[in-house]
Amino acid sequence: MWLFVFFDLPVGTKDQRRRANRFRNFLKDDGYMMLQFSVYARVCRGQDAVEKHVKRARSSLPDEGSIRSLQITDKQFGRMELMLGTAPKNERVGPSQMVLL
């Protein structure tokens, strides 16, 4: 099972940027990988793990802003398509499936 977190946090002031960066760092430390700047995903082993990580993300959300979560299966994740234009050279197509041991 894959858990996606989409968020929109204000970054107009220095304090807001600090809180947004703190939330991004929380997601990285909690095992999420960044797919896009405000889109992070992680693998979860079942519904209990999904609920645990959603609860953790909710408790780390800054006062301003919003987050959304989405659960998808490995099969659905495998059908995701990466389309690259000419501008971003730092993205690349990764392996088709993640191996968990």
Protein backbone atom coordinates (compact mmCIF):
# COMPACT_ATOMS: atom_id res chain seq x y z
CA MET A 1 0.00 0.00 0.00
CA TRP A 2 1.28 3.46 -0.87
CA LEU A 3 0.39 6.59 1.11
CA PHE A 4 0.59 9.94 -0.65
CA VAL A 5 0.59 13.27 1.17
CA PHE A 6 -0.22 16.44 -0.78
CA PHE A 7 0.17 19.73 1.03
CA ASP A 8 -0.20 23.44 0.50
CA LEU A 9 1.53 25.57 3.11
CA PRO A 10 2.00 29.35 3.07
CA VAL A 11 5.59 30.57 2.62
CA GLY A 12 5.10 34.35 2.53
CA THR A 13 7.04 35.13 5.71
CA LYS A 14 10.27 33.78 7.16
CA ASP A 15 8.35 32.07 9.97
CA GLN A 16 5.95 30.42 7.50
CA ARG A 17 8.88 29.15 5.40
CA ARG A 18 10.48 27.74 8.54
CA ARG A 19 7.28 25.86 9.47
CA ALA A 20 6.86 24.55 5.91
CA ASN A 21 10.46 23.31 5.86
CA ARG A 22 9.98 21.70 9.26
CA PHE A 23 6.95 19.81 7.90
CA ARG A 24 8.89 18.68 4.79
CA ASN A 25 11.74 17.47 6.98
CA PHE A 26 9.26 15.60 9.19
CA LEU A 27 7.95 13.78 6.11
CA LYS A 28 11.46 12.85 4.96
CA ASP A 29 12.39 11.64 8.46
CA ASP A 30 9.17 9.59 8.59
CA GLY A 31 10.18 7.64 5.48
CA TYR A 32 8.45 9.60 2.73
CA MET A 33 10.14 10.27 -0.59
CA MET A 34 9.54 13.50 -2.44
CA LEU A 35 7.79 13.03 -5.78
CA GLN A 36 7.25 16.73 -6.35
CA PHE A 37 7.85 19.73 -4.11
CA SER A 38 4.53 19.35 -2.24
CA VAL A 39 3.84 15.68 -3.00
CA TYR A 40 5.42 12.96 -0.87
CA ALA A 41 4.82 9.18 -0.82
CA ARG A 42 5.80 6.21 1.30
CA VAL A 43 5.16 2.49 1.43
CA CYS A 44 3.00 1.19 4.28
CA ARG A 45 2.42 -2.41 5.28
CA GLY A 46 -1.34 -2.47 5.66
CA GLN A 47 -4.15 -0.24 6.83
CA ASP A 48 -2.89 0.06 10.42
CA ALA A 49 0.39 1.56 9.20
CA VAL A 50 -1.47 3.93 6.88
CA GLU A 51 -3.63 5.18 9.75
CA LYS A 52 -0.57 5.61 11.97
CA HIS A 53 1.28 7.72 9.40
CA VAL A 54 -1.80 9.81 8.54
CA LYS A 55 -2.20 10.56 12.25
CA ARG A 56 1.48 11.51 12.53
CA ALA A 57 1.24 13.83 9.50
CA ARG A 58 -1.90 15.43 10.92
CA SER A 59 -0.19 16.11 14.26
CA SER A 60 2.81 17.71 12.49
CA LEU A 61 0.77 20.04 10.27
CA PRO A 62 1.46 23.74 10.87
CA ASP A 63 -1.51 25.87 11.97
CA GLU A 64 -1.76 27.44 8.52
CA GLY A 65 -2.11 25.31 5.42
CA SER A 66 -3.73 22.05 4.40
CA ILE A 67 -2.75 18.48 3.67
CA ARG A 68 -4.50 15.67 1.85
CA SER A 69 -3.69 11.98 1.95
CA LEU A 70 -4.41 9.28 -0.61
CA GLN A 71 -3.95 5.52 -0.37
CA ILE A 72 -3.25 3.43 -3.44
CA THR A 73 -2.18 -0.15 -4.07
CA ASP A 74 1.18 -1.27 -5.41
CA LYS A 75 -0.47 -2.14 -8.70
CA GLN A 76 -1.95 1.34 -9.05
CA PHE A 77 1.39 2.90 -8.11
CA GLY A 78 3.08 0.79 -10.77
CA ARG A 79 0.81 2.31 -13.41
CA MET A 80 2.01 5.83 -12.61
CA GLU A 81 3.65 7.42 -15.59
CA LEU A 82 6.48 9.95 -15.37
CA MET A 83 6.43 12.49 -18.18
CA LEU A 84 9.44 14.77 -18.42
CA GLY A 85 9.68 17.91 -20.50
CA THR A 86 12.90 19.60 -21.50
CA ALA A 87 13.31 21.90 -18.48
CA PRO A 88 13.91 19.66 -15.41
CA LYS A 89 17.10 17.61 -15.81
CA ASN A 90 17.30 16.48 -12.17
CA GLU A 91 14.40 13.98 -12.44
CA ARG A 92 14.83 10.55 -13.88
CA VAL A 93 12.71 7.47 -14.29
CA GLY A 94 13.40 5.19 -11.34
CA PRO A 95 12.96 1.45 -10.94
CA SER A 96 9.52 0.12 -11.77
CA GLN A 97 8.96 -1.37 -8.32
CA MET A 98 10.42 -0.96 -4.86
CA VAL A 99 11.68 -4.11 -3.14
CA LEU A 100 10.95 -4.48 0.58
CA LEU A 101 12.90 -6.98 2.65
